[in-house]
Amino acid sequence: MSAKVLERFPAGSPRGSWPAEECAARRRARGEPATVVMDLKSDAFLVVVPTGEED
C-alpha cells in the first residue's frame, strides 16, 4: 500500500500535546481516511492517507 503524506509534525511535542493525532481526527471528521504513522528516520509523526496505488 502506498500513502500520501498530508502533514508532518516533529516528535518532540510538549507532554500531553498530540498535534498529529488532532490533525488526523479533524480530517477523519471530514471523511478522509487519515491516519498517523511514525517516521523513525526523521523522528516525526506523519499524517497520511492511502493513495490506492500498489507498490
C-alpha atoms as a PDB file:
ATOM      1  CA  MET A   1       0.000   0.000   0.000  1.00  0.00           C
ATOM      2  CA  SER A   2       1.247   3.480  -0.774  1.00  0.00           C
ATOM      3  CA  ALA A   3       0.268   6.610   1.067  1.00  0.00           C
ATOM      4  CA  LYS A   4       0.356  10.359   0.586  1.00  0.00           C
ATOM      5  CA  VAL A   5       1.827  12.470   3.399  1.00  0.00           C
ATOM      6  CA  LEU A   6      -0.519  15.344   4.250  1.00  0.00           C
ATOM      7  CA  GLU A   7       1.205  16.809   7.312  1.00  0.00           C
ATOM      8  CA  ARG A   8       4.457  16.319   9.231  1.00  0.00           C
ATOM      9  CA  PHE A   9       4.906  17.018  12.961  1.00  0.00           C
ATOM     10  CA  PRO A  10       8.138  16.783  14.994  1.00  0.00           C
ATOM     11  CA  ALA A  11       8.079  14.041  17.624  1.00  0.00           C
ATOM     12  CA  GLY A  12       9.287  16.392  20.365  1.00  0.00           C
ATOM     13  CA  SER A  13       5.908  17.974  21.155  1.00  0.00           C
ATOM     14  CA  PRO A  14       5.204  19.072  24.733  1.00  0.00           C
ATOM     15  CA  ARG A  15       3.845  16.444  27.106  1.00  0.00           C
ATOM     16  CA  GLY A  16       0.112  15.975  26.593  1.00  0.00           C
ATOM     17  CA  SER A  17       0.198  17.538  23.120  1.00  0.00           C
ATOM     18  CA  TRP A  18      -0.748  15.310  20.178  1.00  0.00           C
ATOM     19  CA  PRO A  19      -0.893  17.623  17.152  1.00  0.00           C
ATOM     20  CA  ALA A  20      -0.607  14.823  14.573  1.00  0.00           C
ATOM     21  CA  GLU A  21      -3.465  12.859  16.158  1.00  0.00           C
ATOM     22  CA  GLU A  22      -5.581  16.023  16.387  1.00  0.00           C
ATOM     23  CA  CYS A  23      -4.913  16.830  12.733  1.00  0.00           C
ATOM     24  CA  ALA A  24      -5.817  13.281  11.648  1.00  0.00           C
ATOM     25  CA  ALA A  25      -9.004  13.385  13.754  1.00  0.00           C
ATOM     26  CA  ARG A  26     -10.113  16.630  12.052  1.00  0.00           C
ATOM     27  CA  ARG A  27      -9.505  15.083   8.636  1.00  0.00           C
ATOM     28  CA  ARG A  28     -11.384  11.894   9.594  1.00  0.00           C
ATOM     29  CA  ALA A  29     -14.307  14.063  10.754  1.00  0.00           C
ATOM     30  CA  ARG A  30     -14.394  15.483   7.197  1.00  0.00           C
ATOM     31  CA  GLY A  31     -14.486  11.959   5.757  1.00  0.00           C
ATOM     32  CA  GLU A  32     -10.812  11.483   4.839  1.00  0.00           C
ATOM     33  CA  PRO A  33      -9.243   8.146   5.884  1.00  0.00           C
ATOM     34  CA  ALA A  34      -6.299   9.858   7.639  1.00  0.00           C
ATOM     35  CA  THR A  35      -4.008   8.007  10.000  1.00  0.00           C
ATOM     36  CA  VAL A  36      -0.795   8.781  11.883  1.00  0.00           C
ATOM     37  CA  VAL A  37       2.473   6.911  11.365  1.00  0.00           C
ATOM     38  CA  MET A  38       5.915   7.438  12.853  1.00  0.00           C
ATOM     39  CA  ASP A  39       8.870   8.112  10.581  1.00  0.00           C
ATOM     40  CA  LEU A  40      11.755   6.902  12.720  1.00  0.00           C
ATOM     41  CA  LYS A  41      14.415   8.173  10.338  1.00  0.00           C
ATOM     42  CA  SER A  42      13.266  11.796  10.613  1.00  0.00           C
ATOM     43  CA  ASP A  43      11.830  11.461  14.160  1.00  0.00           C
ATOM     44  CA  ALA A  44       8.475  12.838  13.038  1.00  0.00           C
ATOM     45  CA  PHE A  45       4.823  11.859  13.046  1.00  0.00           C
ATOM     46  CA  LEU A  46       3.192  11.855   9.610  1.00  0.00           C
ATOM     47  CA  VAL A  47      -0.497  12.235   8.830  1.00  0.00           C
ATOM     48  CA  VAL A  48      -1.126  10.053   5.779  1.00  0.00           C
ATOM     49  CA  VAL A  49      -3.956   8.865   3.558  1.00  0.00           C
ATOM     50  CA  PRO A  50      -3.849   5.797   1.323  1.00  0.00           C
ATOM     51  CA  THR A  51      -3.458   6.590  -2.388  1.00  0.00           C
ATOM     52  CA  GLY A  52      -4.896   3.368  -3.717  1.00  0.00           C
ATOM     53  CA  GLU A  53      -1.775   2.672  -5.778  1.00  0.00           C
ATOM     54  CA  GLU A  54       0.025  -0.636  -5.467  1.00  0.00           C
ATOM     55  CA  ASP A  55       3.773  -0.691  -4.821  1.00  0.00           C
END
